[in-house]
Amino acid sequence: MLMKSSVVKTEITAPSIRYSETQYGRGIRLIGLWIERSRQRRALAKLEDQHLDDIGISRTVAALEINKSFWR
């Protein structure tokens, strides 16, 4: 005697996670921006006065930028 197996198809729908993915993505991008700012400010701090003159920035203006917090 052959038995037929019955297959029950069910759809599982995930709750809407669009909001959390958006917030997560924004957070990741923001952290990346902070890291990039820190990297650029460290590079600016290493420049000699002649190089700062070449890009049109005084040592005083460079110091103001270098001393900013990473989130600003």
PDB file of N, CA and C in Angstrom:
ATOM      1  N   MET A   1       0.825  -1.165   0.000  1.00  0.00           N
ATOM      2  CA  MET A   1       0.000   0.000   0.000  1.00  0.00           C
ATOM      3  C   MET A   1       0.883   1.247   0.000  1.00  0.00           C
ATOM      4  N   LEU A   2       0.640   2.130  -0.922  1.00  0.00           N
ATOM      5  CA  LEU A   2       1.409   3.368  -1.039  1.00  0.00           C
ATOM      6  C   LEU A   2       0.730   4.472  -0.254  1.00  0.00           C
ATOM      7  N   MET A   3       1.559   5.211   0.463  1.00  0.00           N
ATOM      8  CA  MET A   3       1.012   6.336   1.237  1.00  0.00           C
ATOM      9  C   MET A   3       1.451   7.635   0.578  1.00  0.00           C
ATOM     10  N   LYS A   4       0.537   8.476   0.427  1.00  0.00           N
ATOM     11  CA  LYS A   4       0.857   9.789  -0.124  1.00  0.00           C
ATOM     12  C   LYS A   4       1.177  10.733   1.020  1.00  0.00           C
ATOM     13  N   SER A   5       2.269  11.415   0.847  1.00  0.00           N
ATOM     14  CA  SER A   5       2.579  12.406   1.886  1.00  0.00           C
ATOM     15  C   SER A   5       1.964  13.729   1.463  1.00  0.00           C
ATOM     16  N   SER A   6       1.407  14.364   2.389  1.00  0.00           N
ATOM     17  CA  SER A   6       0.811  15.652   2.072  1.00  0.00           C
ATOM     18  C   SER A   6       1.781  16.755   2.495  1.00  0.00           C
ATOM     19  N   VAL A   7       1.996  17.658   1.603  1.00  0.00           N
ATOM     20  CA  VAL A   7       2.900  18.771   1.858  1.00  0.00           C
ATOM     21  C   VAL A   7       2.055  20.009   2.085  1.00  0.00           C
ATOM     22  N   VAL A   8       2.311  20.629   3.176  1.00  0.00           N
ATOM     23  CA  VAL A   8       1.584  21.844   3.504  1.00  0.00           C
ATOM     24  C   VAL A   8       2.526  23.014   3.262  1.00  0.00           C
ATOM     25  N   LYS A   9       2.138  23.864   2.363  1.00  0.00           N
ATOM     26  CA  LYS A   9       2.962  25.035   2.085  1.00  0.00           C
ATOM     27  C   LYS A   9       2.483  26.193   2.952  1.00  0.00           C
ATOM     28  N   THR A  10       3.422  26.762   3.629  1.00  0.00           N
ATOM     29  CA  THR A  10       3.083  27.933   4.442  1.00  0.00           C
ATOM     30  C   THR A  10       4.038  29.053   4.077  1.00  0.00           C
ATOM     31  N   GLU A  11       3.535  30.207   4.054  1.00  0.00           N
ATOM     32  CA  GLU A  11       4.375  31.368   3.812  1.00  0.00           C
ATOM     33  C   GLU A  11       4.688  32.022   5.138  1.00  0.00           C
ATOM     34  N   ILE A  12       5.951  32.247   5.331  1.00  0.00           N
ATOM     35  CA  ILE A  12       6.378  32.928   6.542  1.00  0.00           C
ATOM     36  C   ILE A  12       6.786  34.335   6.131  1.00  0.00           C
ATOM     37  N   THR A  13       6.134  35.273   6.682  1.00  0.00           N
ATOM     38  CA  THR A  13       6.466  36.651   6.351  1.00  0.00           C
ATOM     39  C   THR A  13       7.188  37.277   7.532  1.00  0.00           C
ATOM     40  N   ALA A  14       8.282  37.885   7.219  1.00  0.00           N
ATOM     41  CA  ALA A  14       9.066  38.555   8.266  1.00  0.00           C
ATOM     42  C   ALA A  14       8.388  39.864   8.613  1.00  0.00           C
ATOM     43  N   PRO A  15       8.488  40.250   9.848  1.00  0.00           N
ATOM     44  CA  PRO A  15       7.936  41.549  10.209  1.00  0.00           C
ATOM     45  C   PRO A  15       8.676  42.647   9.454  1.00  0.00           C
ATOM     46  N   SER A  16       8.054  43.746   9.304  1.00  0.00           N
ATOM     47  CA  SER A  16       8.671  44.837   8.570  1.00  0.00           C
ATOM     48  C   SER A  16       9.921  45.306   9.312  1.00  0.00           C
ATOM     49  N   ILE A  17      11.063  45.111   8.676  1.00  0.00           N
ATOM     50  CA  ILE A  17      12.322  45.527   9.295  1.00  0.00           C
ATOM     51  C   ILE A  17      12.964  46.657   8.501  1.00  0.00           C
ATOM     52  N   ARG A  18      12.187  47.234   7.643  1.00  0.00           N
ATOM     53  CA  ARG A  18      12.705  48.312   6.813  1.00  0.00           C
ATOM     54  C   ARG A  18      13.231  49.467   7.672  1.00  0.00           C
ATOM     55  N   TYR A  19      12.527  49.818   8.726  1.00  0.00           N
ATOM     56  CA  TYR A  19      12.928  50.927   9.591  1.00  0.00           C
ATOM     57  C   TYR A  19      14.272  50.635  10.250  1.00  0.00           C
ATOM     58  N   SER A  20      14.412  49.428  10.815  1.00  0.00           N
ATOM     59  CA  SER A  20      15.649  49.124  11.519  1.00  0.00           C
ATOM     60  C   SER A  20      16.829  49.034  10.559  1.00  0.00           C
ATOM     61  N   GLU A  21      16.601  48.523   9.348  1.00  0.00           N
ATOM     62  CA  GLU A  21      17.687  48.476   8.373  1.00  0.00           C
ATOM     63  C   GLU A  21      18.127  49.885   7.998  1.00  0.00           C
ATOM     64  N   THR A  22      17.179  50.782   7.878  1.00  0.00           N
ATOM     65  CA  THR A  22      17.512  52.163   7.545  1.00  0.00           C
ATOM     66  C   THR A  22      18.323  52.785   8.661  1.00  0.00           C
ATOM     67  N   GLN A  23      17.889  52.592   9.886  1.00  0.00           N
ATOM     68  CA  GLN A  23      18.617  53.144  11.028  1.00  0.00           C
ATOM     69  C   GLN A  23      20.006  52.521  11.126  1.00  0.00           C
ATOM     70  N   TYR A  24      20.092  51.231  10.897  1.00  0.00           N
ATOM     71  CA  TYR A  24      21.380  50.532  10.941  1.00  0.00           C
ATOM     72  C   TYR A  24      22.315  51.090   9.867  1.00  0.00           C
ATOM     73  N   GLY A  25      21.808  51.249   8.660  1.00  0.00           N
ATOM     74  CA  GLY A  25      22.621  51.776   7.564  1.00  0.00           C
ATOM     75  C   GLY A  25      23.095  53.188   7.839  1.00  0.00           C
ATOM     76  N   ARG A  26      22.220  54.008   8.387  1.00  0.00           N
ATOM     77  CA  ARG A  26      22.605  55.374   8.732  1.00  0.00           C
ATOM     78  C   ARG A  26      23.694  55.374   9.785  1.00  0.00           C
ATOM     79  N   GLY A  27      23.559  54.500  10.759  1.00  0.00           N
ATOM     80  CA  GLY A  27      24.564  54.414  11.819  1.00  0.00           C
ATOM     81  C   GLY A  27      25.920  54.006  11.281  1.00  0.00           C
ATOM     82  N   ILE A  28      25.932  53.033  10.390  1.00  0.00           N
ATOM     83  CA  ILE A  28      27.184  52.572   9.790  1.00  0.00           C
ATOM     84  C   ILE A  28      27.818  53.692   8.967  1.00  0.00           C
ATOM     85  N   ARG A  29      27.008  54.389   8.181  1.00  0.00           N
ATOM     86  CA  ARG A  29      27.549  55.496   7.375  1.00  0.00           C
ATOM     87  C   ARG A  29      28.087  56.607   8.265  1.00  0.00           C
ATOM     88  N   LEU A  30      27.409  56.892   9.354  1.00  0.00           N
ATOM     89  CA  LEU A  30      27.847  57.938  10.270  1.00  0.00           C
ATOM     90  C   LEU A  30      29.181  57.578  10.909  1.00  0.00           C
ATOM     91  N   ILE A  31      29.331  56.343  11.327  1.00  0.00           N
ATOM     92  CA  ILE A  31      30.601  55.902  11.899  1.00  0.00           C
ATOM     93  C   ILE A  31      31.708  55.999  10.861  1.00  0.00           C
ATOM     94  N   GLY A  32      31.407  55.624   9.626  1.00  0.00           N
ATOM     95  CA  GLY A  32      32.387  55.752   8.550  1.00  0.00           C
ATOM     96  C   GLY A  32      32.800  57.198   8.326  1.00  0.00           C
ATOM     97  N   LEU A  33      31.847  58.107   8.406  1.00  0.00           N
ATOM     98  CA  LEU A  33      32.146  59.536   8.260  1.00  0.00           C
ATOM     99  C   LEU A  33      33.056  60.008   9.380  1.00  0.00           C
ATOM    100  N   TRP A  34      32.774  59.575  10.603  1.00  0.00           N
ATOM    101  CA  TRP A  34      33.612  59.961  11.743  1.00  0.00           C
ATOM    102  C   TRP A  34      35.040  59.444  11.581  1.00  0.00           C
ATOM    103  N   ILE A  35      35.178  58.215  11.126  1.00  0.00           N
ATOM    104  CA  ILE A  35      36.509  57.631  10.912  1.00  0.00           C
ATOM    105  C   ILE A  35      37.254  58.411   9.836  1.00  0.00           C
ATOM    106  N   GLU A  36      36.559  58.759   8.755  1.00  0.00           N
ATOM    107  CA  GLU A  36      37.190  59.516   7.663  1.00  0.00           C
ATOM    108  C   GLU A  36      37.625  60.897   8.133  1.00  0.00           C
ATOM    109  N   ARG A  37      36.796  61.577   8.912  1.00  0.00           N
ATOM    110  CA  ARG A  37      37.170  62.886   9.446  1.00  0.00           C
ATOM    111  C   ARG A  37      38.421  62.791  10.300  1.00  0.00           C
ATOM    112  N   SER A  38      38.466  61.791  11.148  1.00  0.00           N
ATOM    113  CA  SER A  38      39.633  61.607  12.011  1.00  0.00           C
ATOM    114  C   SER A  38      40.888  61.360  11.183  1.00  0.00           C
ATOM    115  N   ARG A  39      40.748  60.527  10.143  1.00  0.00           N
ATOM    116  CA  ARG A  39      41.889  60.223   9.275  1.00  0.00           C
ATOM    117  C   ARG A  39      42.392  61.476   8.578  1.00  0.00           C
ATOM    118  N   GLN A  40      41.464  62.280   8.041  1.00  0.00           N
ATOM    119  CA  GLN A  40      41.857  63.497   7.341  1.00  0.00           C
ATOM    120  C   GLN A  40      42.510  64.512   8.283  1.00  0.00           C
ATOM    121  N   ARG A  41      42.012  64.602   9.494  1.00  0.00           N
ATOM    122  CA  ARG A  41      42.584  65.553  10.453  1.00  0.00           C
ATOM    123  C   ARG A  41      43.967  65.108  10.910  1.00  0.00           C
ATOM    124  N   ARG A  42      44.185  63.807  11.045  1.00  0.00           N
ATOM    125  CA  ARG A  42      45.528  63.324  11.366  1.00  0.00           C
ATOM    126  C   ARG A  42      46.494  63.627  10.228  1.00  0.00           C
ATOM    127  N   ALA A  43      46.034  63.454   8.987  1.00  0.00           N
ATOM    128  CA  ALA A  43      46.875  63.759   7.822  1.00  0.00           C
ATOM    129  C   ALA A  43      47.173  65.256   7.761  1.00  0.00           C
ATOM    130  N   LEU A  44      46.186  66.089   8.049  1.00  0.00           N
ATOM    131  CA  LEU A  44      46.376  67.537   8.060  1.00  0.00           C
ATOM    132  C   LEU A  44      47.401  67.930   9.118  1.00  0.00           C
ATOM    133  N   ALA A  45      47.361  67.270  10.258  1.00  0.00           N
ATOM    134  CA  ALA A  45      48.296  67.577  11.345  1.00  0.00           C
ATOM    135  C   ALA A  45      49.739  67.267  10.962  1.00  0.00           C
ATOM    136  N   LYS A  46      49.937  66.333  10.054  1.00  0.00           N
ATOM    137  CA  LYS A  46      51.288  65.934   9.649  1.00  0.00           C
ATOM    138  C   LYS A  46      51.890  66.849   8.581  1.00  0.00           C
ATOM    139  N   LEU A  47      51.074  67.694   7.962  1.00  0.00           N
ATOM    140  CA  LEU A  47      51.578  68.554   6.886  1.00  0.00           C
ATOM    141  C   LEU A  47      52.500  69.642   7.430  1.00  0.00           C
ATOM    142  N   GLU A  48      53.533  69.932   6.657  1.00  0.00           N
ATOM    143  CA  GLU A  48      54.448  71.016   7.004  1.00  0.00           C
ATOM    144  C   GLU A  48      53.833  72.334   6.557  1.00  0.00           C
ATOM    145  N   ASP A  49      54.364  73.432   7.064  1.00  0.00           N
ATOM    146  CA  ASP A  49      53.831  74.762   6.737  1.00  0.00           C
ATOM    147  C   ASP A  49      53.827  75.027   5.233  1.00  0.00           C
ATOM    148  N   GLN A  50      54.860  74.586   4.543  1.00  0.00           N
ATOM    149  CA  GLN A  50      54.930  74.810   3.092  1.00  0.00           C
ATOM    150  C   GLN A  50      53.770  74.107   2.375  1.00  0.00           C
ATOM    151  N   HIS A  51      53.455  72.899   2.803  1.00  0.00           N
ATOM    152  CA  HIS A  51      52.343  72.178   2.182  1.00  0.00           C
ATOM    153  C   HIS A  51      51.005  72.848   2.508  1.00  0.00           C
ATOM    154  N   LEU A  52      50.890  73.354   3.730  1.00  0.00           N
ATOM    155  CA  LEU A  52      49.665  74.080   4.084  1.00  0.00           C
ATOM    156  C   LEU A  52      49.526  75.330   3.226  1.00  0.00           C
ATOM    157  N   ASP A  53      50.643  76.036   2.993  1.00  0.00           N
ATOM    158  CA  ASP A  53      50.621  77.209   2.117  1.00  0.00           C
ATOM    159  C   ASP A  53      50.182  76.823   0.700  1.00  0.00           C
ATOM    160  N   ASP A  54      50.641  75.661   0.232  1.00  0.00           N
ATOM    161  CA  ASP A  54      50.285  75.197  -1.115  1.00  0.00           C
ATOM    162  C   ASP A  54      48.779  75.000  -1.269  1.00  0.00           C
ATOM    163  N   ILE A  55      48.115  74.589  -0.211  1.00  0.00           N
ATOM    164  CA  ILE A  55      46.664  74.370  -0.300  1.00  0.00           C
ATOM    165  C   ILE A  55      45.875  75.563   0.247  1.00  0.00           C
ATOM    166  N   GLY A  56      46.587  76.609   0.637  1.00  0.00           N
ATOM    167  CA  GLY A  56      45.929  77.850   1.040  1.00  0.00           C
ATOM    168  C   GLY A  56      45.362  77.852   2.450  1.00  0.00           C
ATOM    169  N   ILE A  57      45.996  77.107   3.347  1.00  0.00           N
ATOM    170  CA  ILE A  57      45.535  77.048   4.731  1.00  0.00           C
ATOM    171  C   ILE A  57      46.673  77.469   5.657  1.00  0.00           C
ATOM    172  N   SER A  58      46.372  78.342   6.579  1.00  0.00           N
ATOM    173  CA  SER A  58      47.391  78.749   7.552  1.00  0.00           C
ATOM    174  C   SER A  58      47.493  77.704   8.652  1.00  0.00           C
ATOM    175  N   ARG A  59      48.570  77.752   9.401  1.00  0.00           N
ATOM    176  CA  ARG A  59      48.760  76.817  10.515  1.00  0.00           C
ATOM    177  C   ARG A  59      47.646  77.002  11.556  1.00  0.00           C
ATOM    178  N   THR A  60      47.214  78.258  11.751  1.00  0.00           N
ATOM    179  CA  THR A  60      46.153  78.547  12.722  1.00  0.00           C
ATOM    180  C   THR A  60      44.830  77.900  12.311  1.00  0.00           C
ATOM    181  N   VAL A  61      44.473  78.048  11.051  1.00  0.00           N
ATOM    182  CA  VAL A  61      43.228  77.445  10.548  1.00  0.00           C
ATOM    183  C   VAL A  61      43.326  75.921  10.606  1.00  0.00           C
ATOM    184  N   ALA A  62      44.489  75.390  10.270  1.00  0.00           N
ATOM    185  CA  ALA A  62      44.690  73.939  10.328  1.00  0.00           C
ATOM    186  C   ALA A  62      44.538  73.453  11.769  1.00  0.00           C
ATOM    187  N   ALA A  63      45.089  74.203  12.717  1.00  0.00           N
ATOM    188  CA  ALA A  63      44.990  73.817  14.126  1.00  0.00           C
ATOM    189  C   ALA A  63      43.537  73.816  14.590  1.00  0.00           C
ATOM    190  N   LEU A  64      42.761  74.784  14.141  1.00  0.00           N
ATOM    191  CA  LEU A  64      41.342  74.819  14.495  1.00  0.00           C
ATOM    192  C   LEU A  64      40.614  73.577  13.978  1.00  0.00           C
ATOM    193  N   GLU A  65      40.922  73.186  12.755  1.00  0.00           N
ATOM    194  CA  GLU A  65      40.296  72.002  12.168  1.00  0.00           C
ATOM    195  C   GLU A  65      40.771  70.725  12.856  1.00  0.00           C
ATOM    196  N   ILE A  66      42.053  70.639  13.116  1.00  0.00           N
ATOM    197  CA  ILE A  66      42.640  69.447  13.736  1.00  0.00           C
ATOM    198  C   ILE A  66      42.046  69.197  15.118  1.00  0.00           C
ATOM    199  N   ASN A  67      41.776  70.271  15.855  1.00  0.00           N
ATOM    200  CA  ASN A  67      41.311  70.139  17.229  1.00  0.00           C
ATOM    201  C   ASN A  67      39.806  69.929  17.375  1.00  0.00           C
ATOM    202  N   LYS A  68      39.091  69.882  16.254  1.00  0.00           N
ATOM    203  CA  LYS A  68      37.652  69.617  16.314  1.00  0.00           C
ATOM    204  C   LYS A  68      37.403  68.185  16.743  1.00  0.00           C
ATOM    205  N   SER A  69      36.283  67.961  17.380  1.00  0.00           N
ATOM    206  CA  SER A  69      35.869  66.612  17.727  1.00  0.00           C
ATOM    207  C   SER A  69      35.518  65.848  16.454  1.00  0.00           C
ATOM    208  N   PHE A  70      35.633  64.535  16.487  1.00  0.00           N
ATOM    209  CA  PHE A  70      35.396  63.734  15.270  1.00  0.00           C
ATOM    210  C   PHE A  70      33.960  63.848  14.785  1.00  0.00           C
ATOM    211  N   TRP A  71      33.026  64.191  15.639  1.00  0.00           N
ATOM    212  CA  TRP A  71      31.627  64.272  15.222  1.00  0.00           C
ATOM    213  C   TRP A  71      31.254  65.639  14.678  1.00  0.00           C
ATOM    214  N   ARG A  72      32.199  66.568  14.645  1.00  0.00           N
ATOM    215  CA  ARG A  72      31.914  67.911  14.140  1.00  0.00           C
ATOM    216  C   ARG A  72      32.561  68.117  12.785  1.00  0.00           C
TER     217      ARG A  72
END
